[in-house]
């Protein structure tokens, strides 16, 4: 039998470089750790282009955050809003008594559509109602608003009895409200020659209020028409003639009284920027004579509460 020829053994003198594929830290890890690492490397190589594009587009920051839709049974958080104040209704009875700041409202009666009540000072400042706007509102049995009026802004040192003519015949309840500037509803004023105005009428009276660009009172014109069938017509006409003459002596006031087709008319035009405030308050005492810079919406609300129609 022929002997196999032995191949010479060639030894490469180049030093071998170690290559690390994976590290098994413990025997418990077994070969699965190595297989997992190799698998992740292969996946990374296969999706290398997609990973590069994901990073270039902003990574995780570019993924929109979707808020979970609450379950129908889950209680959603309600915004923290103030609940409206509950309206307090009082019965229109003589036995009803209401505390109003440091005053007491009592002795309420309604006779022949005339409402009367008394306000007694219990330690409050006498000019409280002169500086604060309180309104009384009347409601029927179903608490439907019938009418409202302002408690006259007069000084009350001890007590005062108020009297109001009311239209309602079925008033059962009433409420009391302290109104501030922001409580009055906004209104849209008419304009003529660029000047804003509000005209309010009641029976034989018409008052036109003129406002500046801030809707604050600047001047007013009061017009009264008296029919010749009015009792003591001639005497009344003479009184208004004298009144017009007195008005014309005041700086910023123009006034007149003159015969008309049905009787006589009296008017007074007042520039509130010109007339001294003390003179104005002493000479013109009617509730329709508002002070300079009074807001349009306050005037409209108060006069409509007093039976005027404003537009």
C-alpha atoms as a PDB file:
ATOM      1  CA  UNK A   1       0.000   0.000   0.000  1.00  0.00           C
ATOM      2  CA  UNK A   2       1.379   3.320  -0.988  1.00  0.00           C
ATOM      3  CA  UNK A   3       1.925   5.836   1.734  1.00  0.00           C
ATOM      4  CA  UNK A   4       0.223   9.267   1.522  1.00  0.00           C
ATOM      5  CA  UNK A   5       2.587  12.090   0.957  1.00  0.00           C
ATOM      6  CA  UNK A   6       2.605  14.519   3.820  1.00  0.00           C
ATOM      7  CA  UNK A   7       1.961  18.174   2.935  1.00  0.00           C
ATOM      8  CA  UNK A   8       4.509  20.478   4.377  1.00  0.00           C
ATOM      9  CA  UNK A   9       3.178  22.643   7.224  1.00  0.00           C
ATOM     10  CA  UNK A  10       3.419  26.351   6.433  1.00  0.00           C
ATOM     11  CA  UNK A  11       3.432  28.687   9.386  1.00  0.00           C
ATOM     12  CA  UNK A  12       2.315  32.311   8.772  1.00  0.00           C
ATOM     13  CA  UNK A  13       4.393  34.535  10.974  1.00  0.00           C
ATOM     14  CA  UNK A  14       1.655  37.325  10.939  1.00  0.00           C
ATOM     15  CA  UNK A  15       0.088  37.825  14.349  1.00  0.00           C
ATOM     16  CA  UNK A  16      -3.614  36.931  14.496  1.00  0.00           C
ATOM     17  CA  UNK A  17      -6.039  39.815  15.353  1.00  0.00           C
ATOM     18  CA  UNK A  18      -8.852  38.803  17.736  1.00  0.00           C
ATOM     19  CA  UNK A  19     -12.469  39.538  16.613  1.00  0.00           C
ATOM     20  CA  UNK A  20     -15.170  39.864  19.230  1.00  0.00           C
ATOM     21  CA  UNK A  21     -18.648  38.826  18.166  1.00  0.00           C
ATOM     22  CA  UNK A  22     -20.357  38.891  21.548  1.00  0.00           C
ATOM     23  CA  UNK A  23     -19.711  38.654  25.209  1.00  0.00           C
ATOM     24  CA  UNK A  24     -21.409  36.154  27.416  1.00  0.00           C
ATOM     25  CA  UNK A  25     -21.256  37.478  30.913  1.00  0.00           C
ATOM     26  CA  UNK A  26     -22.693  34.471  32.635  1.00  0.00           C
ATOM     27  CA  UNK A  27     -23.368  30.916  31.860  1.00  0.00           C
ATOM     28  CA  UNK A  28     -27.050  31.523  32.486  1.00  0.00           C
ATOM     29  CA  UNK A  29     -27.268  33.856  29.445  1.00  0.00           C
ATOM     30  CA  UNK A  30     -26.431  31.021  27.151  1.00  0.00           C
ATOM     31  CA  UNK A  31     -26.215  31.410  23.378  1.00  0.00           C
ATOM     32  CA  UNK A  32     -29.527  33.325  23.198  1.00  0.00           C
ATOM     33  CA  UNK A  33     -27.882  36.613  24.126  1.00  0.00           C
ATOM     34  CA  UNK A  34     -25.410  36.272  21.289  1.00  0.00           C
ATOM     35  CA  UNK A  35     -28.145  35.359  18.848  1.00  0.00           C
ATOM     36  CA  UNK A  36     -30.236  38.358  19.990  1.00  0.00           C
ATOM     37  CA  UNK A  37     -27.347  40.795  19.557  1.00  0.00           C
ATOM     38  CA  UNK A  38     -26.525  39.449  16.104  1.00  0.00           C
ATOM     39  CA  UNK A  39     -30.213  39.741  15.172  1.00  0.00           C
ATOM     40  CA  UNK A  40     -30.390  43.362  16.275  1.00  0.00           C
ATOM     41  CA  UNK A  41     -27.261  44.168  14.292  1.00  0.00           C
ATOM     42  CA  UNK A  42     -28.740  42.613  11.176  1.00  0.00           C
ATOM     43  CA  UNK A  43     -32.033  44.517  11.628  1.00  0.00           C
ATOM     44  CA  UNK A  44     -30.122  47.759  12.131  1.00  0.00           C
ATOM     45  CA  UNK A  45     -28.105  47.187   8.948  1.00  0.00           C
ATOM     46  CA  UNK A  46     -31.228  46.276   6.957  1.00  0.00           C
ATOM     47  CA  UNK A  47     -33.170  49.411   8.076  1.00  0.00           C
ATOM     48  CA  UNK A  48     -30.179  51.739   8.114  1.00  0.00           C
ATOM     49  CA  UNK A  49     -31.634  54.113   5.483  1.00  0.00           C
ATOM     50  CA  UNK A  50     -34.964  54.384   7.299  1.00  0.00           C
ATOM     51  CA  UNK A  51     -33.258  55.110  10.614  1.00  0.00           C
ATOM     52  CA  UNK A  52     -31.116  57.811   9.001  1.00  0.00           C
ATOM     53  CA  UNK A  53     -34.225  59.492   7.503  1.00  0.00           C
ATOM     54  CA  UNK A  54     -36.055  59.300  10.855  1.00  0.00           C
ATOM     55  CA  UNK A  55     -33.181  61.067  12.626  1.00  0.00           C
ATOM     56  CA  UNK A  56     -32.929  63.757   9.918  1.00  0.00           C
ATOM     57  CA  UNK A  57     -36.666  64.541  10.323  1.00  0.00           C
ATOM     58  CA  UNK A  58     -36.344  65.330  14.021  1.00  0.00           C
ATOM     59  CA  UNK A  59     -36.641  61.894  15.591  1.00  0.00           C
ATOM     60  CA  UNK A  60     -39.205  61.462  18.333  1.00  0.00           C
ATOM     61  CA  UNK A  61     -39.819  65.236  18.518  1.00  0.00           C
ATOM     62  CA  UNK A  62     -41.501  65.125  15.095  1.00  0.00           C
ATOM     63  CA  UNK A  63     -44.134  62.595  16.184  1.00  0.00           C
ATOM     64  CA  UNK A  64     -47.414  64.390  17.028  1.00  0.00           C
ATOM     65  CA  UNK A  65     -48.756  63.835  20.516  1.00  0.00           C
ATOM     66  CA  UNK A  66     -52.295  62.509  20.454  1.00  0.00           C
ATOM     67  CA  UNK A  67     -54.297  63.099  23.608  1.00  0.00           C
ATOM     68  CA  UNK A  68     -56.347  60.092  24.632  1.00  0.00           C
ATOM     69  CA  UNK A  69     -60.078  60.384  24.103  1.00  0.00           C
ATOM     70  CA  UNK A  70     -61.811  60.258  27.478  1.00  0.00           C
ATOM     71  CA  UNK A  71     -64.209  57.439  28.123  1.00  0.00           C
ATOM     72  CA  UNK A  72     -67.910  58.402  28.093  1.00  0.00           C
ATOM     73  CA  UNK A  73     -68.064  57.444  31.754  1.00  0.00           C
ATOM     74  CA  UNK A  74     -64.947  59.413  32.651  1.00  0.00           C
ATOM     75  CA  UNK A  75     -65.528  62.723  34.424  1.00  0.00           C
ATOM     76  CA  UNK A  76     -63.931  65.530  32.408  1.00  0.00           C
ATOM     77  CA  UNK A  77     -62.469  68.456  34.302  1.00  0.00           C
ATOM     78  CA  UNK A  78     -64.709  71.489  34.052  1.00  0.00           C
ATOM     79  CA  UNK A  79     -63.161  74.978  33.718  1.00  0.00           C
ATOM     80  CA  UNK A  80     -62.974  76.851  36.979  1.00  0.00           C
ATOM     81  CA  UNK A  81     -65.770  79.362  36.417  1.00  0.00           C
ATOM     82  CA  UNK A  82     -67.655  81.335  39.019  1.00  0.00           C
ATOM     83  CA  UNK A  83     -71.231  80.200  39.418  1.00  0.00           C
ATOM     84  CA  UNK A  84     -73.848  82.916  38.912  1.00  0.00           C
ATOM     85  CA  UNK A  85     -75.291  84.335  42.083  1.00  0.00           C
ATOM     86  CA  UNK A  86     -78.653  82.898  43.028  1.00  0.00           C
ATOM     87  CA  UNK A  87     -81.485  85.404  42.807  1.00  0.00           C
ATOM     88  CA  UNK A  88     -83.328  85.997  46.069  1.00  0.00           C
ATOM     89  CA  UNK A  89     -87.068  86.521  45.677  1.00  0.00           C
ATOM     90  CA  UNK A  90     -89.083  88.225  48.408  1.00  0.00           C
ATOM     91  CA  UNK A  91     -92.850  88.227  48.779  1.00  0.00           C
ATOM     92  CA  UNK A  92     -94.657  91.533  48.351  1.00  0.00           C
ATOM     93  CA  UNK A  93     -96.202  91.435  51.803  1.00  0.00           C
ATOM     94  CA  UNK A  94     -96.469  93.950  54.601  1.00  0.00           C
ATOM     95  CA  UNK A  95     -94.715  91.454  56.881  1.00  0.00           C
ATOM     96  CA  UNK A  96     -91.671  91.110  54.606  1.00  0.00           C
ATOM     97  CA  UNK A  97     -88.470  92.682  55.918  1.00  0.00           C
ATOM     98  CA  UNK A  98     -85.168  92.756  53.994  1.00  0.00           C
ATOM     99  CA  UNK A  99     -81.715  93.733  55.255  1.00  0.00           C
ATOM    100  CA  UNK A 100     -80.041  95.991  52.702  1.00  0.00           C
ATOM    101  CA  UNK A 101     -76.508  96.888  53.738  1.00  0.00           C
ATOM    102  CA  UNK A 102     -77.047  98.938  56.935  1.00  0.00           C
ATOM    103  CA  UNK A 103     -80.676  99.648  56.049  1.00  0.00           C
ATOM    104  CA  UNK A 104     -83.907  97.734  56.467  1.00  0.00           C
ATOM    105  CA  UNK A 105     -86.681  97.639  53.865  1.00  0.00           C
ATOM    106  CA  UNK A 106     -90.152  96.952  55.295  1.00  0.00           C
ATOM    107  CA  UNK A 107     -93.809  98.129  55.436  1.00  0.00           C
ATOM    108  CA  UNK A 108     -94.470  97.081  51.824  1.00  0.00           C
ATOM    109  CA  UNK A 109     -97.961  97.756  50.482  1.00  0.00           C
ATOM    110  CA  UNK A 110     -99.639  97.823  47.072  1.00  0.00           C
ATOM    111  CA  UNK A 111    -102.877  99.782  46.820  1.00  0.00           C
ATOM    112  CA  UNK A 112    -104.545 100.723  43.518  1.00  0.00           C
ATOM    113  CA  UNK A 113    -101.305  99.977  41.660  1.00  0.00           C
ATOM    114  CA  UNK A 114     -99.315 102.232  43.977  1.00  0.00           C
ATOM    115  CA  UNK A 115     -96.352 100.548  45.624  1.00  0.00           C
ATOM    116  CA  UNK A 116     -94.982 101.967  48.864  1.00  0.00           C
ATOM    117  CA  UNK A 117     -92.236 100.776  51.178  1.00  0.00           C
ATOM    118  CA  UNK A 118     -90.010 102.215  53.853  1.00  0.00           C
ATOM    119  CA  UNK A 119     -86.214 102.223  54.112  1.00  0.00           C
ATOM    120  CA  UNK A 120     -84.924 102.679  57.639  1.00  0.00           C
ATOM    121  CA  UNK A 121     -81.324 103.627  58.358  1.00  0.00           C
ATOM    122  CA  UNK A 122     -79.793 101.119  60.803  1.00  0.00           C
ATOM    123  CA  UNK A 123     -76.352 102.679  61.025  1.00  0.00           C
ATOM    124  CA  UNK A 124     -75.487 103.263  57.372  1.00  0.00           C
ATOM    125  CA  UNK A 125     -74.195 106.448  55.772  1.00  0.00           C
ATOM    126  CA  UNK A 126     -77.066 108.767  54.835  1.00  0.00           C
ATOM    127  CA  UNK A 127     -75.937 109.195  51.209  1.00  0.00           C
ATOM    128  CA  UNK A 128     -75.550 105.469  50.510  1.00  0.00           C
ATOM    129  CA  UNK A 129     -78.405 105.374  47.972  1.00  0.00           C
ATOM    130  CA  UNK A 130     -77.207 108.629  46.436  1.00  0.00           C
ATOM    131  CA  UNK A 131     -73.882 106.964  45.610  1.00  0.00           C
ATOM    132  CA  UNK A 132     -75.090 103.444  44.803  1.00  0.00           C
ATOM    133  CA  UNK A 133     -77.630 102.325  42.209  1.00  0.00           C
ATOM    134  CA  UNK A 134     -80.175  99.901  43.667  1.00  0.00           C
ATOM    135  CA  UNK A 135     -83.054  98.545  41.589  1.00  0.00           C
ATOM    136  CA  UNK A 136     -86.234  96.792  42.635  1.00  0.00           C
ATOM    137  CA  UNK A 137     -87.703  94.292  40.158  1.00  0.00           C
ATOM    138  CA  UNK A 138     -91.274  92.988  40.324  1.00  0.00           C
ATOM    139  CA  UNK A 139     -92.213  89.422  39.319  1.00  0.00           C
ATOM    140  CA  UNK A 140     -95.445  87.484  38.963  1.00  0.00           C
ATOM    141  CA  UNK A 141     -96.287  84.150  40.591  1.00  0.00           C
ATOM    142  CA  UNK A 142     -94.194  82.287  37.958  1.00  0.00           C
ATOM    143  CA  UNK A 143     -91.256  84.624  38.656  1.00  0.00           C
ATOM    144  CA  UNK A 144     -91.506  86.314  35.283  1.00  0.00           C
ATOM    145  CA  UNK A 145     -90.107  89.844  35.283  1.00  0.00           C
ATOM    146  CA  UNK A 146     -92.867  92.462  35.051  1.00  0.00           C
ATOM    147  CA  UNK A 147     -91.094  95.785  35.564  1.00  0.00           C
ATOM    148  CA  UNK A 148     -88.211  97.426  37.393  1.00  0.00           C
ATOM    149  CA  UNK A 149     -87.436 100.811  38.870  1.00  0.00           C
ATOM    150  CA  UNK A 150     -84.543 102.490  40.612  1.00  0.00           C
ATOM    151  CA  UNK A 151     -84.670 103.312  44.302  1.00  0.00           C
ATOM    152  CA  UNK A 152     -84.413 107.104  44.300  1.00  0.00           C
ATOM    153  CA  UNK A 153     -80.921 108.326  45.056  1.00  0.00           C
ATOM    154  CA  UNK A 154     -81.706 110.470  48.067  1.00  0.00           C
ATOM    155  CA  UNK A 155     -80.091 110.876  51.460  1.00  0.00           C
ATOM    156  CA  UNK A 156     -81.667 108.836  54.255  1.00  0.00           C
ATOM    157  CA  UNK A 157     -80.578 109.904  57.726  1.00  0.00           C
ATOM    158  CA  UNK A 158     -83.309 108.064  59.658  1.00  0.00           C
ATOM    159  CA  UNK A 159     -86.014 106.665  57.346  1.00  0.00           C
ATOM    160  CA  UNK A 160     -87.823 107.444  54.118  1.00  0.00           C
ATOM    161  CA  UNK A 161     -91.041 106.186  52.535  1.00  0.00           C
ATOM    162  CA  UNK A 162     -90.887 105.503  48.782  1.00  0.00           C
ATOM    163  CA  UNK A 163     -93.911 105.591  46.487  1.00  0.00           C
ATOM    164  CA  UNK A 164     -94.026 104.247  42.922  1.00  0.00           C
ATOM    165  CA  UNK A 165     -96.826 103.942  40.409  1.00  0.00           C
ATOM    166  CA  UNK A 166     -96.672 100.458  38.906  1.00  0.00           C
ATOM    167  CA  UNK A 167     -98.353  99.015  35.823  1.00  0.00           C
ATOM    168  CA  UNK A 168     -98.458  95.393  36.954  1.00  0.00           C
ATOM    169  CA  UNK A 169    -101.602  94.074  38.594  1.00  0.00           C
ATOM    170  CA  UNK A 170    -100.234  90.603  39.363  1.00  0.00           C
ATOM    171  CA  UNK A 171     -96.944  91.415  41.118  1.00  0.00           C
ATOM    172  CA  UNK A 172     -96.174  88.729  43.715  1.00  0.00           C
ATOM    173  CA  UNK A 173     -92.404  88.804  44.300  1.00  0.00           C
ATOM    174  CA  UNK A 174     -89.620  91.360  44.171  1.00  0.00           C
ATOM    175  CA  UNK A 175     -85.827  91.334  44.023  1.00  0.00           C
ATOM    176  CA  UNK A 176     -83.159  93.895  44.866  1.00  0.00           C
ATOM    177  CA  UNK A 177     -80.031  94.460  42.786  1.00  0.00           C
ATOM    178  CA  UNK A 178     -77.004  96.670  43.239  1.00  0.00           C
ATOM    179  CA  UNK A 179     -75.932  97.718  39.737  1.00  0.00           C
ATOM    180  CA  UNK A 180     -72.421  98.760  38.723  1.00  0.00           C
ATOM    181  CA  UNK A 181     -71.215 100.238  35.447  1.00  0.00           C
ATOM    182  CA  UNK A 182     -70.368  96.835  33.957  1.00  0.00           C
ATOM    183  CA  UNK A 183     -73.860  95.487  34.764  1.00  0.00           C
ATOM    184  CA  UNK A 184     -75.678  97.847  32.412  1.00  0.00           C
ATOM    185  CA  UNK A 185     -76.294  96.330  28.966  1.00  0.00           C
ATOM    186  CA  UNK A 186     -74.414  97.852  26.039  1.00  0.00           C
ATOM    187  CA  UNK A 187     -76.406  99.913  23.532  1.00  0.00           C
ATOM    188  CA  UNK A 188     -75.891 101.149  19.975  1.00  0.00           C
ATOM    189  CA  UNK A 189     -76.266 104.918  19.627  1.00  0.00           C
ATOM    190  CA  UNK A 190     -77.629 106.728  16.613  1.00  0.00           C
ATOM    191  CA  UNK A 191     -75.481 109.320  14.834  1.00  0.00           C
ATOM    192  CA  UNK A 192     -76.215 112.625  13.159  1.00  0.00           C
ATOM    193  CA  UNK A 193     -73.485 114.742  11.598  1.00  0.00           C
ATOM    194  CA  UNK A 194     -70.933 112.492  13.302  1.00  0.00           C
ATOM    195  CA  UNK A 195     -72.410 113.083  16.783  1.00  0.00           C
ATOM    196  CA  UNK A 196     -73.768 110.120  18.771  1.00  0.00           C
ATOM    197  CA  UNK A 197     -77.070 110.608  20.560  1.00  0.00           C
ATOM    198  CA  UNK A 198     -79.786 108.838  22.522  1.00  0.00           C
ATOM    199  CA  UNK A 199     -83.387 110.043  22.524  1.00  0.00           C
ATOM    200  CA  UNK A 200     -85.751 109.082  25.338  1.00  0.00           C
ATOM    201  CA  UNK A 201     -89.467 109.907  25.415  1.00  0.00           C
ATOM    202  CA  UNK A 202     -92.307 109.565  27.907  1.00  0.00           C
ATOM    203  CA  UNK A 203     -95.788 111.089  27.487  1.00  0.00           C
ATOM    204  CA  UNK A 204     -95.160 114.776  26.694  1.00  0.00           C
ATOM    205  CA  UNK A 205     -91.394 114.783  27.417  1.00  0.00           C
ATOM    206  CA  UNK A 206     -88.483 114.172  25.048  1.00  0.00           C
ATOM    207  CA  UNK A 207     -84.835 114.294  26.133  1.00  0.00           C
ATOM    208  CA  UNK A 208     -81.992 114.007  23.638  1.00  0.00           C
ATOM    209  CA  UNK A 209     -78.586 113.149  25.059  1.00  0.00           C
ATOM    210  CA  UNK A 210     -75.415 113.834  23.059  1.00  0.00           C
ATOM    211  CA  UNK A 211     -72.207 111.896  23.689  1.00  0.00           C
ATOM    212  CA  UNK A 212     -68.495 112.176  22.965  1.00  0.00           C
ATOM    213  CA  UNK A 213     -66.379 109.491  21.275  1.00  0.00           C
ATOM    214  CA  UNK A 214     -66.275 107.512  24.540  1.00  0.00           C
ATOM    215  CA  UNK A 215     -70.102 107.390  24.735  1.00  0.00           C
ATOM    216  CA  UNK A 216     -70.033 109.703  27.736  1.00  0.00           C
ATOM    217  CA  UNK A 217     -72.615 112.469  28.117  1.00  0.00           C
ATOM    218  CA  UNK A 218     -71.511 115.819  26.708  1.00  0.00           C
ATOM    219  CA  UNK A 219     -74.734 117.834  26.394  1.00  0.00           C
ATOM    220  CA  UNK A 220     -78.499 117.388  26.445  1.00  0.00           C
ATOM    221  CA  UNK A 221     -81.706 118.979  25.219  1.00  0.00           C
ATOM    222  CA  UNK A 222     -84.948 118.703  27.168  1.00  0.00           C
ATOM    223  CA  UNK A 223     -88.294 119.328  25.426  1.00  0.00           C
ATOM    224  CA  UNK A 224     -91.705 119.573  27.131  1.00  0.00           C
ATOM    225  CA  UNK A 225     -94.996 119.892  25.204  1.00  0.00           C
ATOM    226  CA  UNK A 226     -98.042 121.075  27.150  1.00  0.00           C
ATOM    227  CA  UNK A 227    -101.523 120.790  25.686  1.00  0.00           C
ATOM    228  CA  UNK A 228    -103.865 123.782  25.984  1.00  0.00           C
ATOM    229  CA  UNK A 229    -106.461 121.559  27.673  1.00  0.00           C
ATOM    230  CA  UNK A 230    -104.111 121.150  30.659  1.00  0.00           C
ATOM    231  CA  UNK A 231    -105.465 122.506  33.936  1.00  0.00           C
ATOM    232  CA  UNK A 232    -104.177 126.020  34.759  1.00  0.00           C
ATOM    233  CA  UNK A 233    -102.644 126.216  31.279  1.00  0.00           C
ATOM    234  CA  UNK A 234    -102.063 129.991  31.270  1.00  0.00           C
ATOM    235  CA  UNK A 235    -100.452 129.978  34.708  1.00  0.00           C
ATOM    236  CA  UNK A 236     -98.230 127.073  33.742  1.00  0.00           C
ATOM    237  CA  UNK A 237     -97.134 128.848  30.557  1.00  0.00           C
ATOM    238  CA  UNK A 238     -96.108 131.944  32.535  1.00  0.00           C
ATOM    239  CA  UNK A 239     -94.101 129.800  34.957  1.00  0.00           C
ATOM    240  CA  UNK A 240     -92.142 128.215  32.128  1.00  0.00           C
ATOM    241  CA  UNK A 241     -91.528 131.615  30.527  1.00  0.00           C
ATOM    242  CA  UNK A 242     -89.952 132.778  33.802  1.00  0.00           C
ATOM    243  CA  UNK A 243     -87.972 129.551  34.075  1.00  0.00           C
ATOM    244  CA  UNK A 244     -86.583 129.971  30.568  1.00  0.00           C
ATOM    245  CA  UNK A 245     -85.472 133.523  31.411  1.00  0.00           C
ATOM    246  CA  UNK A 246     -83.634 132.273  34.517  1.00  0.00           C
ATOM    247  CA  UNK A 247     -81.976 129.478  32.549  1.00  0.00           C
ATOM    248  CA  UNK A 248     -80.618 131.909  29.972  1.00  0.00           C
ATOM    249  CA  UNK A 249     -78.670 133.700  32.696  1.00  0.00           C
ATOM    250  CA  UNK A 250     -76.513 130.583  33.186  1.00  0.00           C
ATOM    251  CA  UNK A 251     -73.386 130.141  31.112  1.00  0.00           C
ATOM    252  CA  UNK A 252     -73.744 127.118  28.814  1.00  0.00           C
ATOM    253  CA  UNK A 253     -77.563 127.074  28.867  1.00  0.00           C
ATOM    254  CA  UNK A 254     -80.041 128.090  26.169  1.00  0.00           C
ATOM    255  CA  UNK A 255     -83.762 127.967  26.966  1.00  0.00           C
ATOM    256  CA  UNK A 256     -87.146 129.193  25.713  1.00  0.00           C
ATOM    257  CA  UNK A 257     -90.924 128.756  26.068  1.00  0.00           C
ATOM    258  CA  UNK A 258     -93.240 129.586  23.181  1.00  0.00           C
ATOM    259  CA  UNK A 259     -96.820 128.940  21.957  1.00  0.00           C
ATOM    260  CA  UNK A 260     -97.466 125.953  19.676  1.00  0.00           C
ATOM    261  CA  UNK A 261    -100.403 124.762  17.568  1.00  0.00           C
ATOM    262  CA  UNK A 262    -101.744 122.668  20.460  1.00  0.00           C
ATOM    263  CA  UNK A 263    -100.530 124.625  23.504  1.00  0.00           C
ATOM    264  CA  UNK A 264     -96.951 125.610  24.328  1.00  0.00           C
ATOM    265  CA  UNK A 265     -93.470 124.088  24.225  1.00  0.00           C
ATOM    266  CA  UNK A 266     -90.582 124.529  26.614  1.00  0.00           C
ATOM    267  CA  UNK A 267     -87.025 123.508  25.881  1.00  0.00           C
ATOM    268  CA  UNK A 268     -83.620 123.838  27.475  1.00  0.00           C
ATOM    269  CA  UNK A 269     -80.269 123.038  25.848  1.00  0.00           C
ATOM    270  CA  UNK A 270     -77.380 122.452  28.265  1.00  0.00           C
ATOM    271  CA  UNK A 271     -73.680 122.231  27.447  1.00  0.00           C
ATOM    272  CA  UNK A 272     -72.351 120.175  30.348  1.00  0.00           C
ATOM    273  CA  UNK A 273     -68.733 121.082  29.627  1.00  0.00           C
ATOM    274  CA  UNK A 274     -69.522 124.751  30.187  1.00  0.00           C
ATOM    275  CA  UNK A 275     -72.032 124.992  33.017  1.00  0.00           C
ATOM    276  CA  UNK A 276     -70.532 124.847  36.549  1.00  0.00           C
ATOM    277  CA  UNK A 277     -71.374 121.540  38.223  1.00  0.00           C
ATOM    278  CA  UNK A 278     -72.733 123.160  41.407  1.00  0.00           C
ATOM    279  CA  UNK A 279     -75.027 125.422  39.381  1.00  0.00           C
ATOM    280  CA  UNK A 280     -76.207 122.513  37.258  1.00  0.00           C
ATOM    281  CA  UNK A 281     -77.116 120.326  40.241  1.00  0.00           C
ATOM    282  CA  UNK A 282     -78.984 123.125  42.027  1.00  0.00           C
ATOM    283  CA  UNK A 283     -80.872 124.451  38.988  1.00  0.00           C
ATOM    284  CA  UNK A 284     -81.786 121.177  37.241  1.00  0.00           C
ATOM    285  CA  UNK A 285     -82.998 118.668  39.810  1.00  0.00           C
ATOM    286  CA  UNK A 286     -85.061 116.244  37.701  1.00  0.00           C
ATOM    287  CA  UNK A 287     -83.772 112.660  37.363  1.00  0.00           C
ATOM    288  CA  UNK A 288     -83.490 113.179  33.593  1.00  0.00           C
ATOM    289  CA  UNK A 289     -80.706 115.751  34.081  1.00  0.00           C
ATOM    290  CA  UNK A 290     -77.649 113.515  34.217  1.00  0.00           C
ATOM    291  CA  UNK A 291     -74.170 114.702  35.126  1.00  0.00           C
ATOM    292  CA  UNK A 292     -71.381 115.295  32.660  1.00  0.00           C
ATOM    293  CA  UNK A 293     -69.649 112.111  31.389  1.00  0.00           C
ATOM    294  CA  UNK A 294     -72.457 109.774  32.469  1.00  0.00           C
ATOM    295  CA  UNK A 295     -72.364 106.645  30.296  1.00  0.00           C
ATOM    296  CA  UNK A 296     -74.974 106.132  27.600  1.00  0.00           C
ATOM    297  CA  UNK A 297     -75.947 102.666  28.740  1.00  0.00           C
ATOM    298  CA  UNK A 298     -76.563 103.800  32.322  1.00  0.00           C
ATOM    299  CA  UNK A 299     -78.888 106.572  31.114  1.00  0.00           C
ATOM    300  CA  UNK A 300     -80.763 104.211  28.806  1.00  0.00           C
ATOM    301  CA  UNK A 301     -81.218 101.533  31.480  1.00  0.00           C
ATOM    302  CA  UNK A 302     -82.366 103.933  34.202  1.00  0.00           C
ATOM    303  CA  UNK A 303     -84.827 105.870  32.062  1.00  0.00           C
ATOM    304  CA  UNK A 304     -86.340 102.749  30.536  1.00  0.00           C
ATOM    305  CA  UNK A 305     -86.778 101.456  34.082  1.00  0.00           C
ATOM    306  CA  UNK A 306     -88.694 104.684  34.789  1.00  0.00           C
ATOM    307  CA  UNK A 307     -91.110 104.195  31.891  1.00  0.00           C
ATOM    308  CA  UNK A 308     -89.257 106.041  29.128  1.00  0.00           C
ATOM    309  CA  UNK A 309     -88.700 104.654  25.656  1.00  0.00           C
ATOM    310  CA  UNK A 310     -85.096 105.166  24.518  1.00  0.00           C
ATOM    311  CA  UNK A 311     -83.687 104.694  21.045  1.00  0.00           C
END
